[in-house]
Structure formats: structure tokens, C-alpha cells
Amino acid sequence: MTEQVKKGRPAPQVEESVQRLTCRHFLMPIIIILMIYGNVVLGTAETQYGYYAVQRQKNITSVVSASRQSLCEANTSSIRFKQQQEVQSETANWSAYCHLAQSIPVLLMSLMVGSWSDKIGRRTALLVPTIGLIFKSGFFALAIKLEWNIYTLTIAYFVDGLCGMWISLIAASYSFAADLTKYGKSRLFGIVLIQIMLGVGVTIGALSSGYVIKYLGFLYGAVLVVSVACLLVLLIIFLPESVQTTEKLTSISQLEYLKNALSIYIEKDPLRYKYIILAVVFALNVLPSIGRGNVQSLYVMNSPFCWNAVYIGLFGALISFAQTIGVGLSRLLYKCMSKRAMIILGSISAIAYYLITAVAINDVMLFISAMFGSLGAIDAVCSLIGSVASNVLYGATVSINDWLIWAVFGGFHVAGLLLFGLLLYKEAAEKRKIEDNTTEDVKLVYVVKL
């Protein structure tokens, strides 16, 4: 303790020093938008190209000449419908393998990125996922041009995961905002600004992806993403470094950081069980949110919807816009209801989204379901495994009933809601126990006084 504190006077607060903002710092919002844009456009094209490539490998000549259309047949007794289900199933399985190759390295990367970005700098942390995007989109373009087997694309997914994907981008972006702002309202504004830029990037990417595929095709769409990623490299080079450090990145520091990240799950603590339950609730809500992306593209390409790339892009943009509105509404709802009530409301909203999607028989019902999902938007930084599980499940159930996957997604949210209810029940029981003990103490004091 300082002498001032000992004498009863508060110690002076140390002013948090931050860099002075320059015009070059405002390159960061552009970098975020372009990075997300490239990932969204490429991700949308990958699933649709996989669908087309499976058709080509099966030598389905009726649609091979129309590379931007899906095989769609509503008559369940026709041979064409059976071919359609086979293509759906095989494409979903291929997508599962690709995301498995991507998820293993990126899950490890997500645990380490918080520590090594402080050592190597924010610009380098931004360059790594950009290089991954260049490799993935370039590999994708070569695979299309040379008509490689689609399973070779797992190499591109693995390298992209090894580079951290958009997880490294988000982590570096939030760290960049923290470096340039002081604790309090200014830092909160910086974080909110990043969230807005992420939403803008997703919306623009989804909105334009259909038109990119329609007018440029898969090959030149991938070349466009390569060009965007190369532009990103130039912008990152001109971006000022926001952290200065002389510490070196060592294997010991990485192991220590990994140990600290996992310690909260294994160390004895009276609040550990609450944290674990909330982590499971979070995972149950996040897994379907992440997994639905690729599955949704396959689902709407199937009968009775038979959507093309433009419709898929517009629908993705609507979902992104609705989620952005949901984030805004959550801030308003926070003023008039508790956090617990907001979690319950968000889960109910997500359940409604999946149930309406499962029973949808026309385009209008699907667009209505997107609006129901707006309050269920949840950050999905550490849940990429959902992409693998959802594609495997869809591939296994599409020939039975293609709506089963949406019922399962809704079931995840129901399970999370029930588990959260269990946590609330235990909290209420603990509160009653404390109140009962307090009452007994009061009675004892009263008896002693008598």
C-alpha cells in the first residue's frame, strides 16, 4: 500500500495511455468489412460448387450444362428426385469432411490467439488469416479450373484453419480497439463499432454473393476473393501497429496460456459448476447457429424451394440484417428485463426459427422464419465443430426427411433452455437456504437476548 492509502487518501489513478488516432487507423473498419466479405462470398460459393461438382461426377447430364443451377424435382417417386437426394447427401458429407479438416487446427488456434497477438503484434495477427484466405480462394480457383476431385479441397480448408480463419481477425480487431481506447465508454464504443463492421461485412457479402456466382461464375468469383485478399495485405501493411512489445513468443508462454484457459474447468471453485453449466448452455445454442449455414444452402436448393444463388444470397443477407436488428433490440430489452429473461427469450426465438423452417412449404414461410431468428443471434467464436456435426446429420437424414435437421437444431435450444432452467432452480434453492439460515440466526439471537 502507498503512503497516501495508509493515511486514508485514495491513490491517484494512473492515466491509461493510448496512441493518438491518425487517418491510417481508420483503415481497420475497411479491413474488417473486406475480410468478412471475402469469407462470406467464398463460403457461399463453396457449398454450391460442391453441389454442382457432385452432379457432374455422377454424370447427371440434365443440369451439367447449367453450372449455377441445382438439381430440383418435387415428384418423390421419380428417378430425378432420388438422384437429388443422393447429391444432397454426398454434398453434405463432403462439407463435413472439409469442416472437420478446418476445425481441428482452428480450435487449437482459438485458444492461443489471445496470447500470441500480444507478442507478434496486431498487424501480423491480421496478416495470418489473410494469407489463409488467399491460399484457400486460390486453391478453390485452381480446383474449379482443373476440375479436381472436390475432396482435394480439404487441403485448402486445413490450411485456412491453421491460419486462424476469421477467429484471428475478430480477436485481433477487438485487441486493436482496446489498444486505441481507454477503459470505459470509449472502449465500449470501439467494440460496438467493430460489431457493426462485422455485421456490415456479412450483410454485403451475403447480398452480393448470389450475383457474383450468377454473373461471374464459381471460377471468377474465387478470383475476385483472391483480389480482395491481396488488397487486404496492402491495407494491413499501411495500418499502424497498435501494440509495442519486446517479449518473445515461446513454447513455455503458449503452454502457460493454454493451462490458464483450461484451469477454470478443472480447479476447485464454488462457482465452477455454474460456469460449466453456462458454457454447456452456450454451446447448445451456438452449435446449431454455426452448423446451419452450409446445411441451409443445401436445404433451399432442394425441393420444394429450388432456390438459385441469388435467392440464397438474399436470404443470407436478410438473416444477417435481422440478427443485427436483434442485437440492437437486445440493448433495449436489457433496460426492461433481466439477463436471465433475455436468454430465455433468445432461446424461444431460435426455437421458433427452426420449427418454422422445418414445416415451411414455400418461400414466404422461410423468410418469416428468418425474422424469428433475429433475437437468437449468438457469438460463435469457439463452436466450429457444429459445421461438421450438422453436415453429417443432414447427409444421413436427407433421404428420410429433410426437415429433421431443423427439428434437431431446435432440440439443441430446448436442451439449453432446460439446462438453464435447472441452473435458475439451483440458484433459487441456494437463495432460500441462505434466507432460512439467516432466519434461524435471527431467532437464535432473539432467544439469547431473552
Protein backbone atom coordinates (compact mmCIF):
# COMPACT_ATOMS: atom_id res chain seq x y z
CA MET A 1 0.00 0.00 0.00
CA THR A 2 1.20 3.50 -0.72
CA GLU A 3 1.64 6.15 1.97
CA GLN A 4 -1.43 8.01 0.70
CA VAL A 5 -3.64 4.96 1.10
CA LYS A 6 -2.30 4.35 4.61
CA LYS A 7 -3.26 7.91 5.57
CA GLY A 8 -6.77 7.42 4.25
CA ARG A 9 -6.35 9.31 0.98
CA PRO A 10 -7.06 7.48 -2.30
CA ALA A 11 -4.09 6.87 -4.55
CA PRO A 12 -4.11 8.88 -7.77
CA GLN A 13 -5.38 6.90 -10.76
CA VAL A 14 -2.79 6.11 -13.38
CA GLU A 15 -3.89 7.58 -16.69
CA GLU A 16 -4.16 4.89 -19.33
CA SER A 17 -2.01 5.90 -22.28
CA VAL A 18 -3.22 5.20 -25.80
CA GLN A 19 -1.98 6.03 -29.26
CA ARG A 20 -3.15 9.17 -30.94
CA LEU A 21 -5.55 8.34 -33.77
CA THR A 22 -4.44 9.09 -37.32
CA CYS A 23 -6.11 8.67 -40.70
CA ARG A 24 -4.32 5.35 -41.18
CA HIS A 25 -6.03 3.88 -38.11
CA PHE A 26 -9.36 4.20 -39.93
CA LEU A 27 -8.18 1.52 -42.36
CA MET A 28 -9.23 -1.01 -39.72
CA PRO A 29 -13.02 -0.83 -40.40
CA ILE A 30 -12.33 -1.31 -44.13
CA ILE A 31 -10.09 -4.30 -43.36
CA ILE A 32 -12.80 -5.92 -41.22
CA ILE A 33 -15.51 -5.44 -43.86
CA LEU A 34 -13.34 -6.75 -46.72
CA MET A 35 -12.10 -9.76 -44.74
CA ILE A 36 -15.63 -10.79 -43.74
CA TYR A 37 -16.89 -10.07 -47.26
CA GLY A 38 -14.29 -12.38 -48.81
CA ASN A 39 -15.03 -15.20 -46.36
CA VAL A 40 -18.81 -14.94 -46.85
CA VAL A 41 -18.64 -14.89 -50.66
CA LEU A 42 -16.19 -17.81 -50.76
CA GLY A 43 -18.15 -19.80 -48.17
CA THR A 44 -21.41 -19.36 -50.10
CA ALA A 45 -19.78 -20.39 -53.39
CA GLU A 46 -18.07 -23.45 -51.89
CA THR A 47 -21.29 -25.23 -50.89
CA GLN A 48 -23.00 -24.50 -54.21
CA TYR A 49 -19.94 -25.57 -56.21
CA GLY A 50 -19.74 -28.79 -54.20
CA TYR A 51 -23.37 -29.48 -55.13
CA TYR A 52 -22.66 -28.86 -58.81
CA ALA A 53 -19.43 -30.91 -58.75
CA VAL A 54 -21.22 -33.93 -57.26
CA GLN A 55 -23.81 -33.67 -60.05
CA ARG A 56 -21.01 -33.61 -62.61
CA GLN A 57 -19.23 -36.60 -61.06
CA LYS A 58 -22.48 -38.57 -61.16
CA ASN A 59 -22.82 -37.60 -64.84
CA ILE A 60 -26.27 -36.08 -64.43
CA THR A 61 -26.38 -34.53 -67.89
CA SER A 62 -29.70 -32.72 -67.42
CA VAL A 63 -28.07 -29.99 -65.38
CA VAL A 64 -24.34 -30.29 -66.06
CA SER A 65 -24.54 -27.57 -68.71
CA ALA A 66 -26.14 -25.14 -66.23
CA SER A 67 -23.40 -24.84 -63.65
CA ARG A 68 -25.26 -22.34 -61.48
CA GLN A 69 -28.45 -24.35 -61.04
CA SER A 70 -29.39 -27.13 -58.67
CA LEU A 71 -30.95 -30.48 -59.42
CA CYS A 72 -34.52 -29.99 -58.24
CA GLU A 73 -37.50 -32.31 -58.54
CA ALA A 74 -40.67 -32.34 -56.42
CA ASN A 75 -42.04 -35.71 -57.57
CA THR A 76 -40.82 -38.08 -54.84
CA SER A 77 -41.36 -41.20 -56.97
CA SER A 78 -39.21 -40.06 -59.89
CA ILE A 79 -35.62 -41.14 -60.56
CA ARG A 80 -34.60 -37.48 -60.69
CA PHE A 81 -35.84 -36.97 -57.11
CA LYS A 82 -33.78 -39.94 -55.89
CA GLN A 83 -30.73 -38.52 -57.66
CA GLN A 84 -31.43 -35.20 -55.97
CA GLN A 85 -31.39 -36.81 -52.51
CA GLU A 86 -28.14 -38.65 -53.31
CA VAL A 87 -26.49 -35.41 -54.41
CA GLN A 88 -27.71 -33.65 -51.26
CA SER A 89 -26.39 -36.43 -49.02
CA GLU A 90 -22.98 -36.70 -50.70
CA THR A 91 -22.50 -32.92 -50.75
CA ALA A 92 -23.31 -32.71 -47.04
CA ASN A 93 -20.81 -35.49 -46.27
CA TRP A 94 -18.12 -33.74 -48.35
CA SER A 95 -18.79 -30.50 -46.49
CA ALA A 96 -18.49 -32.32 -43.17
CA TYR A 97 -15.03 -33.66 -44.10
CA CYS A 98 -13.91 -30.20 -45.19
CA HIS A 99 -15.06 -28.54 -41.97
CA LEU A 100 -13.52 -31.32 -39.90
CA ALA A 101 -10.16 -30.63 -41.56
CA GLN A 102 -10.69 -26.94 -40.81
CA SER A 103 -11.98 -27.28 -37.24
CA ILE A 104 -9.15 -29.29 -35.70
CA PRO A 105 -6.40 -26.68 -36.25
CA VAL A 106 -8.67 -23.66 -35.73
CA LEU A 107 -9.90 -24.89 -32.34
CA LEU A 108 -6.30 -25.02 -31.15
CA MET A 109 -5.60 -21.66 -32.76
CA SER A 110 -8.57 -20.04 -30.99
CA LEU A 111 -7.08 -20.95 -27.60
CA MET A 112 -3.66 -19.48 -28.46
CA VAL A 113 -4.52 -16.40 -30.48
CA GLY A 114 -5.14 -14.26 -27.41
CA SER A 115 -1.56 -14.58 -26.20
CA TRP A 116 0.48 -14.58 -29.38
CA SER A 117 -1.16 -11.48 -30.84
CA ASP A 118 0.28 -9.54 -27.89
CA LYS A 119 3.74 -10.81 -28.77
CA ILE A 120 3.85 -10.60 -32.57
CA GLY A 121 1.65 -7.51 -33.00
CA ARG A 122 -1.83 -6.85 -34.35
CA ARG A 123 -0.77 -6.41 -37.98
CA THR A 124 0.88 -9.82 -38.11
CA ALA A 125 -2.17 -11.32 -36.40
CA LEU A 126 -4.27 -9.83 -39.22
CA LEU A 127 -1.90 -10.96 -41.97
CA VAL A 128 -2.02 -14.63 -40.96
CA PRO A 129 -5.76 -15.21 -41.66
CA THR A 130 -5.46 -13.06 -44.79
CA ILE A 131 -2.77 -15.39 -46.14
CA GLY A 132 -5.07 -18.30 -45.29
CA LEU A 133 -7.88 -16.67 -47.30
CA ILE A 134 -5.54 -16.13 -50.28
CA PHE A 135 -4.46 -19.78 -50.22
CA LYS A 136 -7.99 -21.12 -49.83
CA SER A 137 -9.56 -18.98 -52.57
CA GLY A 138 -6.60 -19.56 -54.91
CA PHE A 139 -6.76 -23.32 -54.32
CA PHE A 140 -10.51 -23.18 -54.91
CA ALA A 141 -9.99 -21.40 -58.24
CA LEU A 142 -7.42 -23.99 -59.37
CA ALA A 143 -9.71 -26.86 -58.33
CA ILE A 144 -12.52 -25.39 -60.43
CA LYS A 145 -10.34 -24.68 -63.46
CA LEU A 146 -8.66 -28.11 -63.47
CA GLU A 147 -11.81 -29.94 -62.31
CA TRP A 148 -10.08 -31.65 -59.40
CA ASN A 149 -11.93 -34.07 -57.15
CA ILE A 150 -13.81 -31.96 -54.60
CA TYR A 151 -12.24 -33.86 -51.69
CA THR A 152 -8.89 -32.25 -52.53
CA LEU A 153 -10.44 -29.02 -51.20
CA THR A 154 -9.95 -30.39 -47.68
CA ILE A 155 -6.32 -29.26 -48.05
CA ALA A 156 -7.46 -25.66 -48.51
CA TYR A 157 -9.79 -25.92 -45.52
CA PHE A 158 -6.98 -27.30 -43.33
CA VAL A 159 -4.56 -24.50 -44.24
CA ASP A 160 -7.27 -21.89 -43.68
CA GLY A 161 -7.98 -23.36 -40.24
CA LEU A 162 -4.26 -23.41 -39.47
CA CYS A 163 -4.18 -19.67 -40.19
CA GLY A 164 -6.98 -18.99 -37.74
CA MET A 165 -9.73 -18.04 -40.20
CA TRP A 166 -11.99 -15.20 -39.11
CA ILE A 167 -11.39 -16.05 -35.44
CA SER A 168 -7.94 -14.46 -35.62
CA LEU A 169 -9.47 -11.46 -37.38
CA ILE A 170 -12.07 -10.92 -34.65
CA ALA A 171 -9.56 -11.41 -31.83
CA ALA A 172 -7.06 -9.01 -33.41
CA SER A 173 -9.81 -6.48 -34.14
CA TYR A 174 -11.03 -6.36 -30.54
CA SER A 175 -7.43 -6.14 -29.30
CA PHE A 176 -6.79 -3.31 -31.76
CA ALA A 177 -9.82 -1.42 -30.40
CA ALA A 178 -8.64 -1.99 -26.82
CA ASP A 179 -5.16 -0.67 -27.67
CA LEU A 180 -6.56 2.60 -29.05
CA THR A 181 -9.24 3.34 -26.45
CA LYS A 182 -9.39 3.99 -22.73
CA TYR A 183 -11.36 1.83 -20.37
CA GLY A 184 -14.97 2.96 -20.23
CA LYS A 185 -17.34 4.42 -22.78
CA SER A 186 -14.69 4.99 -25.46
CA ARG A 187 -13.65 1.32 -25.37
CA LEU A 188 -17.28 0.22 -25.43
CA PHE A 189 -17.81 2.43 -28.48
CA GLY A 190 -14.81 0.82 -30.19
CA ILE A 191 -16.16 -2.68 -29.55
CA VAL A 192 -19.64 -1.74 -30.78
CA LEU A 193 -18.09 -0.21 -33.91
CA ILE A 194 -16.30 -3.49 -34.65
CA GLN A 195 -19.55 -5.42 -34.19
CA ILE A 196 -21.25 -3.08 -36.66
CA MET A 197 -18.44 -3.55 -39.19
CA LEU A 198 -18.71 -7.33 -38.84
CA GLY A 199 -22.45 -7.12 -39.49
CA VAL A 200 -21.94 -4.87 -42.50
CA GLY A 201 -19.37 -7.27 -43.95
CA VAL A 202 -21.66 -10.29 -43.55
CA THR A 203 -24.68 -8.47 -45.00
CA ILE A 204 -22.82 -7.10 -48.03
CA GLY A 205 -21.11 -10.45 -48.63
CA ALA A 206 -24.35 -12.43 -48.45
CA LEU A 207 -26.27 -9.89 -50.54
CA SER A 208 -23.69 -9.82 -53.34
CA SER A 209 -22.61 -13.48 -53.28
CA GLY A 210 -25.58 -14.64 -55.36
CA TYR A 211 -24.94 -12.06 -58.05
CA VAL A 212 -21.20 -12.86 -58.04
CA ILE A 213 -21.98 -16.54 -58.69
CA LYS A 214 -24.66 -15.71 -61.25
CA TYR A 215 -22.66 -13.25 -63.36
CA LEU A 216 -19.03 -14.29 -62.69
CA GLY A 217 -19.44 -17.99 -62.01
CA PHE A 218 -17.53 -20.04 -59.45
CA LEU A 219 -14.08 -19.62 -61.04
CA TYR A 220 -14.03 -15.84 -61.39
CA GLY A 221 -15.88 -15.49 -58.10
CA ALA A 222 -12.91 -17.22 -56.44
CA VAL A 223 -10.51 -14.96 -58.38
CA LEU A 224 -12.45 -11.96 -57.04
CA VAL A 225 -11.88 -13.17 -53.48
CA VAL A 226 -8.15 -13.61 -54.19
CA SER A 227 -8.05 -9.99 -55.41
CA VAL A 228 -9.87 -8.78 -52.29
CA ALA A 229 -7.43 -10.69 -50.07
CA CYS A 230 -4.41 -9.21 -51.90
CA LEU A 231 -5.88 -5.74 -51.37
CA LEU A 232 -6.22 -6.62 -47.69
CA VAL A 233 -2.49 -7.35 -47.48
CA LEU A 234 -1.70 -3.85 -48.76
CA LEU A 235 -4.15 -2.23 -46.34
CA ILE A 236 -2.73 -4.17 -43.38
CA ILE A 237 0.81 -3.11 -44.31
CA PHE A 238 -0.26 0.55 -44.15
CA LEU A 239 -2.15 0.03 -40.88
CA PRO A 240 -0.19 1.42 -37.89
CA GLU A 241 0.89 -1.11 -35.27
CA SER A 242 -1.10 -0.58 -32.06
CA VAL A 243 0.97 -2.67 -29.65
CA GLN A 244 4.68 -2.41 -28.92
CA THR A 245 6.35 -5.29 -27.10
CA THR A 246 9.83 -6.72 -26.69
CA GLU A 247 8.60 -10.06 -25.32
CA LYS A 248 9.26 -13.10 -27.44
CA LEU A 249 6.74 -15.80 -28.22
CA THR A 250 7.94 -19.04 -26.62
CA SER A 251 6.53 -22.53 -26.26
CA ILE A 252 6.51 -22.05 -22.48
CA SER A 253 4.33 -18.94 -22.67
CA GLN A 254 1.93 -20.71 -25.02
CA LEU A 255 1.61 -23.73 -22.70
CA GLU A 256 1.07 -21.41 -19.74
CA TYR A 257 -1.67 -19.56 -21.60
CA LEU A 258 -3.33 -22.84 -22.58
CA LYS A 259 -3.16 -24.02 -18.97
CA ASN A 260 -4.77 -20.79 -17.74
CA ALA A 261 -7.51 -21.04 -20.36
CA LEU A 262 -8.46 -24.55 -19.19
CA SER A 263 -7.91 -24.08 -15.45
CA ILE A 264 -11.37 -22.65 -14.84
CA TYR A 265 -12.90 -26.01 -15.83
CA ILE A 266 -10.76 -28.18 -13.54
CA GLU A 267 -9.79 -26.09 -10.48
CA LYS A 268 -11.98 -26.38 -7.40
CA ASP A 269 -14.19 -23.33 -7.04
CA PRO A 270 -17.70 -22.86 -5.60
CA LEU A 271 -18.80 -21.17 -8.82
CA ARG A 272 -17.24 -23.72 -11.18
CA TYR A 273 -20.43 -25.72 -11.69
CA LYS A 274 -22.31 -22.56 -12.70
CA TYR A 275 -19.65 -21.67 -15.24
CA ILE A 276 -19.67 -25.18 -16.70
CA ILE A 277 -23.47 -25.22 -16.96
CA LEU A 278 -23.49 -21.82 -18.66
CA ALA A 279 -20.72 -22.97 -21.02
CA VAL A 280 -22.81 -26.02 -21.99
CA VAL A 281 -25.90 -23.81 -22.46
CA PHE A 282 -23.82 -21.51 -24.66
CA ALA A 283 -22.57 -24.48 -26.72
CA LEU A 284 -26.07 -25.91 -27.15
CA ASN A 285 -27.26 -22.57 -28.51
CA VAL A 286 -24.20 -21.94 -30.66
CA LEU A 287 -23.78 -25.34 -32.34
CA PRO A 288 -26.95 -25.13 -34.46
CA SER A 289 -26.30 -21.45 -35.20
CA ILE A 290 -22.93 -22.30 -36.72
CA GLY A 291 -23.97 -25.56 -38.32
CA ARG A 292 -26.99 -24.25 -40.17
CA GLY A 293 -25.08 -22.15 -42.74
CA ASN A 294 -23.98 -24.82 -45.21
CA VAL A 295 -26.96 -27.06 -44.49
CA GLN A 296 -29.33 -24.18 -45.16
CA SER A 297 -27.88 -23.64 -48.63
CA LEU A 298 -28.40 -27.32 -49.47
CA TYR A 299 -31.88 -27.30 -47.93
CA VAL A 300 -33.19 -24.39 -50.01
CA MET A 301 -31.59 -25.79 -53.19
CA ASN A 302 -33.74 -28.88 -52.62
CA SER A 303 -37.45 -29.17 -53.45
CA PRO A 304 -39.92 -27.57 -52.90
CA PHE A 305 -37.88 -24.33 -52.86
CA CYS A 306 -35.34 -24.90 -55.67
CA TRP A 307 -33.57 -21.61 -54.98
CA ASN A 308 -30.76 -20.29 -57.15
CA ALA A 309 -27.63 -18.47 -55.97
CA VAL A 310 -29.31 -15.04 -55.94
CA TYR A 311 -32.15 -16.17 -53.67
CA ILE A 312 -29.70 -17.89 -51.34
CA GLY A 313 -27.65 -14.70 -51.10
CA LEU A 314 -30.70 -12.52 -50.44
CA PHE A 315 -31.90 -14.89 -47.73
CA GLY A 316 -28.47 -14.87 -46.07
CA ALA A 317 -28.44 -11.06 -46.16
CA LEU A 318 -31.90 -10.96 -44.54
CA ILE A 319 -30.76 -13.26 -41.73
CA SER A 320 -27.67 -11.11 -41.13
CA PHE A 321 -29.76 -7.93 -41.11
CA ALA A 322 -32.32 -9.49 -38.76
CA GLN A 323 -29.55 -10.56 -36.37
CA THR A 324 -28.13 -7.04 -36.39
CA ILE A 325 -31.57 -5.70 -35.50
CA GLY A 326 -31.77 -8.37 -32.81
CA VAL A 327 -28.52 -7.13 -31.27
CA GLY A 328 -29.95 -3.60 -31.21
CA LEU A 329 -33.19 -4.83 -29.63
CA SER A 330 -31.25 -6.75 -27.00
CA ARG A 331 -29.74 -3.50 -25.77
CA LEU A 332 -33.22 -2.00 -25.41
CA LEU A 333 -34.62 -5.14 -23.76
CA TYR A 334 -31.74 -5.09 -21.27
CA LYS A 335 -33.23 -1.92 -19.77
CA CYS A 336 -36.60 -3.53 -19.04
CA MET A 337 -35.79 -7.18 -18.27
CA SER A 338 -33.12 -9.27 -16.59
CA LYS A 339 -30.29 -11.06 -18.37
CA ARG A 340 -31.88 -14.39 -17.49
CA ALA A 341 -35.15 -13.38 -19.14
CA MET A 342 -33.23 -12.27 -22.25
CA ILE A 343 -31.54 -15.68 -22.52
CA ILE A 344 -34.92 -17.41 -22.31
CA LEU A 345 -36.41 -15.04 -24.90
CA GLY A 346 -33.48 -15.60 -27.25
CA SER A 347 -33.79 -19.38 -26.96
CA ILE A 348 -37.54 -19.27 -27.64
CA SER A 349 -36.89 -17.07 -30.68
CA ALA A 350 -34.32 -19.53 -32.04
CA ILE A 351 -36.65 -22.50 -31.44
CA ALA A 352 -39.41 -20.71 -33.37
CA TYR A 353 -36.98 -20.10 -36.24
CA TYR A 354 -36.05 -23.78 -36.58
CA LEU A 355 -39.61 -25.05 -36.19
CA ILE A 356 -40.97 -22.70 -38.86
CA THR A 357 -38.09 -23.66 -41.17
CA ALA A 358 -38.83 -27.36 -40.60
CA VAL A 359 -42.51 -27.04 -41.62
CA ALA A 360 -42.00 -24.39 -44.34
CA ILE A 361 -43.55 -25.29 -47.68
CA ASN A 362 -42.96 -22.02 -49.55
CA ASP A 363 -40.59 -19.05 -49.76
CA VAL A 364 -42.75 -16.77 -47.58
CA MET A 365 -42.56 -19.12 -44.60
CA LEU A 366 -38.77 -19.30 -44.88
CA PHE A 367 -38.43 -15.52 -44.89
CA ILE A 368 -40.74 -15.31 -41.87
CA SER A 369 -38.53 -17.82 -40.04
CA ALA A 370 -35.51 -15.57 -40.64
CA MET A 371 -37.22 -12.76 -38.74
CA PHE A 372 -37.95 -15.08 -35.80
CA GLY A 373 -34.27 -15.93 -35.58
CA SER A 374 -33.23 -12.32 -35.07
CA LEU A 375 -33.31 -12.42 -31.26
CA GLY A 376 -31.38 -15.67 -31.16
CA ALA A 377 -28.12 -14.25 -32.58
CA ILE A 378 -25.20 -15.63 -30.53
CA ASP A 379 -21.50 -15.10 -30.96
CA ALA A 380 -19.95 -18.29 -32.30
CA VAL A 381 -16.22 -17.84 -31.97
CA CYS A 382 -15.41 -21.25 -30.45
CA SER A 383 -18.03 -23.58 -31.95
CA LEU A 384 -16.88 -24.55 -35.44
CA ILE A 385 -17.48 -28.21 -34.63
CA GLY A 386 -21.17 -27.50 -35.31
CA SER A 387 -20.45 -27.33 -39.04
CA VAL A 388 -19.13 -30.88 -39.01
CA ALA A 389 -21.96 -32.38 -36.96
CA SER A 390 -24.71 -30.61 -38.89
CA ASN A 391 -23.44 -31.72 -42.30
CA VAL A 392 -23.04 -35.33 -41.16
CA LEU A 393 -26.54 -35.31 -39.68
CA TYR A 394 -28.09 -33.71 -42.76
CA GLY A 395 -26.35 -36.18 -45.06
CA ALA A 396 -27.74 -39.06 -43.01
CA THR A 397 -31.32 -37.77 -42.75
CA VAL A 398 -31.98 -36.02 -46.07
CA SER A 399 -33.20 -39.22 -47.71
CA ILE A 400 -35.61 -39.83 -44.81
CA ASN A 401 -36.99 -36.35 -44.15
CA ASP A 402 -35.01 -33.22 -44.97
CA TRP A 403 -36.78 -31.25 -42.22
CA LEU A 404 -35.41 -33.49 -39.44
CA ILE A 405 -32.21 -31.45 -39.22
CA TRP A 406 -34.18 -28.35 -38.26
CA ALA A 407 -36.05 -30.25 -35.55
CA VAL A 408 -32.68 -31.38 -34.17
CA PHE A 409 -31.38 -27.79 -34.25
CA GLY A 410 -34.45 -26.66 -32.33
CA GLY A 411 -33.89 -29.53 -29.90
CA PHE A 412 -30.44 -28.15 -29.06
CA HIS A 413 -32.04 -24.89 -27.98
CA VAL A 414 -34.73 -26.74 -26.00
CA ALA A 415 -31.99 -28.69 -24.18
CA GLY A 416 -30.10 -25.47 -23.50
CA LEU A 417 -33.27 -23.83 -22.20
CA LEU A 418 -33.99 -26.76 -19.86
CA LEU A 419 -30.41 -26.77 -18.59
CA PHE A 420 -30.57 -23.03 -17.98
CA GLY A 421 -33.85 -23.57 -16.10
CA LEU A 422 -32.04 -26.12 -13.91
CA LEU A 423 -29.39 -23.51 -13.12
CA LEU A 424 -32.08 -20.96 -12.17
CA TYR A 425 -33.74 -23.58 -9.93
CA LYS A 426 -30.46 -24.30 -8.14
CA GLU A 427 -29.80 -20.59 -7.66
CA ALA A 428 -33.27 -20.13 -6.17
CA ALA A 429 -32.72 -23.12 -3.85
CA GLU A 430 -29.40 -21.68 -2.66
CA LYS A 431 -31.05 -18.31 -2.05
CA ARG A 432 -33.82 -19.93 0.01
CA LYS A 433 -31.22 -21.84 2.01
CA ILE A 434 -29.33 -18.63 2.80
CA GLU A 435 -32.57 -16.91 3.81
CA ASP A 436 -33.52 -19.85 6.06
CA ASN A 437 -30.10 -19.77 7.74
CA THR A 438 -30.43 -16.02 8.27
CA THR A 439 -33.87 -16.51 9.82
CA GLU A 440 -32.52 -19.19 12.19
CA ASP A 441 -29.68 -16.85 13.24
CA VAL A 442 -32.15 -14.07 13.98
CA LYS A 443 -34.30 -16.43 16.07
CA LEU A 444 -31.22 -17.61 17.98
CA VAL A 445 -30.15 -14.03 18.77
CA TYR A 446 -33.68 -13.24 19.93
CA VAL A 447 -33.71 -16.28 22.27
CA VAL A 448 -30.29 -15.35 23.72
CA LYS A 449 -31.49 -11.80 24.41
CA LEU A 450 -34.49 -13.17 26.27
